[in-house]
Amino acid sequence: MPFYLLFAADANIDFGEILTGFLAVFAVCGVFYVVEPLTYFPILGPAGMYQAFMIGNVSNKLLPSAIVAQDAIGAKPGTRKGEYAATAPIPWGSTHDSMRPSLSLRNRPPHSRIPAKMAPDPC
């Protein structure tokens, strides 16, 4: 986008303004780029980190499931047993999210899945 603004668009923006905007955003978001991996690694381990960052939504879904799994079997974070326990629930968290729409359709009555113009008359 910055290259488009500089070279293709007639936006009358110079490189200094683009650099200022980039640095402002990086000052806020760049901290997470460093802090998140450092804080997640002791809990998830290397395999869990790879899976979690490939799937996404680490702090809201995958990290809590890893902590609950470690707690359920009594594993301490940072140990090999803790890494295995943290890696196991991560794929299930993503599978749950991808299966949610199909499961919600399955629990409806059969006639509600048919479009209204094709549904049989309930009377």
C-alpha atoms as a PDB file:
ATOM      1  CA  MET A   1       0.000   0.000   0.000  1.00  0.00           C
ATOM      2  CA  PRO A   2       2.736   2.553   0.795  1.00  0.00           C
ATOM      3  CA  PHE A   3       4.382   1.897  -2.577  1.00  0.00           C
ATOM      4  CA  TYR A   4       1.052   2.410  -4.308  1.00  0.00           C
ATOM      5  CA  LEU A   5       0.575   5.723  -2.507  1.00  0.00           C
ATOM      6  CA  LEU A   6       4.078   6.860  -3.400  1.00  0.00           C
ATOM      7  CA  PHE A   7       4.351   5.790  -7.023  1.00  0.00           C
ATOM      8  CA  ALA A   8       0.943   5.027  -8.573  1.00  0.00           C
ATOM      9  CA  ALA A   9      -1.656   7.126  -6.783  1.00  0.00           C
ATOM     10  CA  ASP A  10      -1.732  10.856  -7.048  1.00  0.00           C
ATOM     11  CA  ALA A  11      -2.016  11.174  -3.258  1.00  0.00           C
ATOM     12  CA  ASN A  12       0.609  13.903  -2.719  1.00  0.00           C
ATOM     13  CA  ILE A  13       2.202  11.949   0.149  1.00  0.00           C
ATOM     14  CA  ASP A  14       5.947  11.810   0.658  1.00  0.00           C
ATOM     15  CA  PHE A  15       8.046   9.001   2.106  1.00  0.00           C
ATOM     16  CA  GLY A  16       8.481  10.773   5.457  1.00  0.00           C
ATOM     17  CA  GLU A  17       4.747  10.787   6.136  1.00  0.00           C
ATOM     18  CA  ILE A  18       4.462   7.082   5.285  1.00  0.00           C
ATOM     19  CA  LEU A  19       7.432   6.289   7.529  1.00  0.00           C
ATOM     20  CA  THR A  20       5.879   8.292  10.372  1.00  0.00           C
ATOM     21  CA  GLY A  21       2.615   6.351  10.056  1.00  0.00           C
ATOM     22  CA  PHE A  22       4.457   3.032   9.922  1.00  0.00           C
ATOM     23  CA  LEU A  23       6.493   3.840  13.032  1.00  0.00           C
ATOM     24  CA  ALA A  24       3.362   4.926  14.930  1.00  0.00           C
ATOM     25  CA  VAL A  25       1.618   1.632  14.182  1.00  0.00           C
ATOM     26  CA  PHE A  26       4.776  -0.382  14.862  1.00  0.00           C
ATOM     27  CA  ALA A  27       5.234   1.331  18.236  1.00  0.00           C
ATOM     28  CA  VAL A  28       1.841   0.020  19.331  1.00  0.00           C
ATOM     29  CA  CYS A  29       1.679  -3.387  17.594  1.00  0.00           C
ATOM     30  CA  GLY A  30       5.385  -4.178  17.416  1.00  0.00           C
ATOM     31  CA  VAL A  31       5.516  -4.827  21.146  1.00  0.00           C
ATOM     32  CA  PHE A  32       3.186  -7.811  20.715  1.00  0.00           C
ATOM     33  CA  TYR A  33       5.410  -9.151  17.940  1.00  0.00           C
ATOM     34  CA  VAL A  34       8.142  -9.652  20.543  1.00  0.00           C
ATOM     35  CA  VAL A  35       6.224 -10.197  23.790  1.00  0.00           C
ATOM     36  CA  GLU A  36       3.668 -12.819  22.686  1.00  0.00           C
ATOM     37  CA  PRO A  37       6.127 -15.502  21.533  1.00  0.00           C
ATOM     38  CA  LEU A  38       8.261 -14.977  24.637  1.00  0.00           C
ATOM     39  CA  THR A  39       5.310 -15.421  26.981  1.00  0.00           C
ATOM     40  CA  TYR A  40       3.636 -18.303  25.125  1.00  0.00           C
ATOM     41  CA  PHE A  41       6.740 -20.447  24.580  1.00  0.00           C
ATOM     42  CA  PRO A  42       7.160 -21.724  28.168  1.00  0.00           C
ATOM     43  CA  ILE A  43       3.552 -22.943  28.171  1.00  0.00           C
ATOM     44  CA  LEU A  44       3.152 -24.268  24.616  1.00  0.00           C
ATOM     45  CA  GLY A  45       6.640 -25.473  23.731  1.00  0.00           C
ATOM     46  CA  PRO A  46       8.023 -25.510  20.173  1.00  0.00           C
ATOM     47  CA  ALA A  47       5.395 -27.790  18.589  1.00  0.00           C
ATOM     48  CA  GLY A  48       2.536 -25.985  20.288  1.00  0.00           C
ATOM     49  CA  MET A  49       3.921 -22.614  19.202  1.00  0.00           C
ATOM     50  CA  TYR A  50       4.067 -23.768  15.577  1.00  0.00           C
ATOM     51  CA  GLN A  51       0.520 -25.098  15.638  1.00  0.00           C
ATOM     52  CA  ALA A  52      -0.899 -22.144  17.539  1.00  0.00           C
ATOM     53  CA  PHE A  53       0.588 -19.473  15.318  1.00  0.00           C
ATOM     54  CA  MET A  54      -0.427 -21.326  12.156  1.00  0.00           C
ATOM     55  CA  ILE A  55      -4.029 -21.616  13.384  1.00  0.00           C
ATOM     56  CA  GLY A  56      -4.318 -18.210  15.065  1.00  0.00           C
ATOM     57  CA  ASN A  57      -6.405 -16.848  17.936  1.00  0.00           C
ATOM     58  CA  VAL A  58      -3.784 -18.007  20.403  1.00  0.00           C
ATOM     59  CA  SER A  59      -4.618 -15.934  23.469  1.00  0.00           C
ATOM     60  CA  ASN A  60      -8.402 -16.396  23.365  1.00  0.00           C
ATOM     61  CA  LYS A  61      -8.757 -20.043  22.417  1.00  0.00           C
ATOM     62  CA  LEU A  62      -5.597 -22.113  22.105  1.00  0.00           C
ATOM     63  CA  LEU A  63      -3.593 -20.962  25.130  1.00  0.00           C
ATOM     64  CA  PRO A  64      -6.474 -21.497  27.581  1.00  0.00           C
ATOM     65  CA  SER A  65      -7.115 -24.981  26.182  1.00  0.00           C
ATOM     66  CA  ALA A  66      -3.427 -25.824  26.577  1.00  0.00           C
ATOM     67  CA  ILE A  67      -3.422 -24.588  30.177  1.00  0.00           C
ATOM     68  CA  VAL A  68      -6.544 -26.606  31.013  1.00  0.00           C
ATOM     69  CA  ALA A  69      -5.028 -29.743  29.435  1.00  0.00           C
ATOM     70  CA  GLN A  70      -1.821 -29.312  31.441  1.00  0.00           C
ATOM     71  CA  ASP A  71      -3.801 -28.779  34.623  1.00  0.00           C
ATOM     72  CA  ALA A  72      -6.033 -31.799  33.946  1.00  0.00           C
ATOM     73  CA  ILE A  73      -3.100 -34.215  33.882  1.00  0.00           C
ATOM     74  CA  GLY A  74      -0.975 -32.375  36.440  1.00  0.00           C
ATOM     75  CA  ALA A  75       1.792 -31.385  34.018  1.00  0.00           C
ATOM     76  CA  LYS A  76       3.956 -28.371  34.734  1.00  0.00           C
ATOM     77  CA  PRO A  77       4.553 -25.823  31.937  1.00  0.00           C
ATOM     78  CA  GLY A  78       8.069 -26.035  30.530  1.00  0.00           C
ATOM     79  CA  THR A  79       8.425 -29.792  31.010  1.00  0.00           C
ATOM     80  CA  ARG A  80       8.266 -32.378  28.236  1.00  0.00           C
ATOM     81  CA  LYS A  81       4.988 -33.712  29.636  1.00  0.00           C
ATOM     82  CA  GLY A  82       3.641 -30.155  29.695  1.00  0.00           C
ATOM     83  CA  GLU A  83       4.632 -29.612  26.061  1.00  0.00           C
ATOM     84  CA  TYR A  84       2.846 -32.797  24.993  1.00  0.00           C
ATOM     85  CA  ALA A  85      -0.222 -31.849  27.004  1.00  0.00           C
ATOM     86  CA  ALA A  86      -0.269 -28.361  25.490  1.00  0.00           C
ATOM     87  CA  THR A  87       0.141 -29.636  21.922  1.00  0.00           C
ATOM     88  CA  ALA A  88      -2.729 -32.140  22.083  1.00  0.00           C
ATOM     89  CA  PRO A  89      -5.761 -29.787  22.417  1.00  0.00           C
ATOM     90  CA  ILE A  90      -4.632 -27.234  19.831  1.00  0.00           C
ATOM     91  CA  PRO A  91      -5.819 -29.165  16.724  1.00  0.00           C
ATOM     92  CA  TRP A  92      -9.125 -29.907  18.466  1.00  0.00           C
ATOM     93  CA  GLY A  93      -9.663 -26.200  19.043  1.00  0.00           C
ATOM     94  CA  SER A  94      -9.384 -25.478  15.343  1.00  0.00           C
ATOM     95  CA  THR A  95     -11.476 -28.535  14.410  1.00  0.00           C
ATOM     96  CA  HIS A  96     -14.209 -27.334  16.748  1.00  0.00           C
ATOM     97  CA  ASP A  97     -14.312 -23.950  15.014  1.00  0.00           C
ATOM     98  CA  SER A  98     -14.478 -25.477  11.538  1.00  0.00           C
ATOM     99  CA  MET A  99     -17.202 -27.967  12.517  1.00  0.00           C
ATOM    100  CA  ARG A 100     -19.412 -25.505  14.388  1.00  0.00           C
ATOM    101  CA  PRO A 101     -21.555 -24.454  11.391  1.00  0.00           C
ATOM    102  CA  SER A 102     -22.298 -28.037  10.358  1.00  0.00           C
ATOM    103  CA  LEU A 103     -23.151 -29.046  13.925  1.00  0.00           C
ATOM    104  CA  SER A 104     -25.576 -26.159  14.296  1.00  0.00           C
ATOM    105  CA  LEU A 105     -27.373 -27.243  11.113  1.00  0.00           C
ATOM    106  CA  ARG A 106     -27.611 -30.824  12.346  1.00  0.00           C
ATOM    107  CA  ASN A 107     -29.477 -29.870  15.496  1.00  0.00           C
ATOM    108  CA  ARG A 108     -32.293 -28.081  13.672  1.00  0.00           C
ATOM    109  CA  PRO A 109     -35.526 -29.799  12.652  1.00  0.00           C
ATOM    110  CA  PRO A 110     -35.282 -31.279   9.128  1.00  0.00           C
ATOM    111  CA  HIS A 111     -37.848 -28.936   7.544  1.00  0.00           C
ATOM    112  CA  SER A 112     -35.891 -25.831   8.653  1.00  0.00           C
ATOM    113  CA  ARG A 113     -32.975 -26.823   6.403  1.00  0.00           C
ATOM    114  CA  ILE A 114     -35.170 -26.771   3.290  1.00  0.00           C
ATOM    115  CA  PRO A 115     -35.679 -23.371   1.635  1.00  0.00           C
ATOM    116  CA  ALA A 116     -39.119 -21.880   2.344  1.00  0.00           C
ATOM    117  CA  LYS A 117     -40.420 -22.225  -1.222  1.00  0.00           C
ATOM    118  CA  MET A 118     -39.618 -25.984  -1.199  1.00  0.00           C
ATOM    119  CA  ALA A 119     -40.703 -26.785   2.377  1.00  0.00           C
ATOM    120  CA  PRO A 120     -43.801 -28.942   2.809  1.00  0.00           C
ATOM    121  CA  ASP A 121     -46.898 -27.296   4.212  1.00  0.00           C
ATOM    122  CA  PRO A 122     -46.924 -27.963   8.001  1.00  0.00           C
ATOM    123  CA  CYS A 123     -50.742 -28.214   8.092  1.00  0.00           C
END
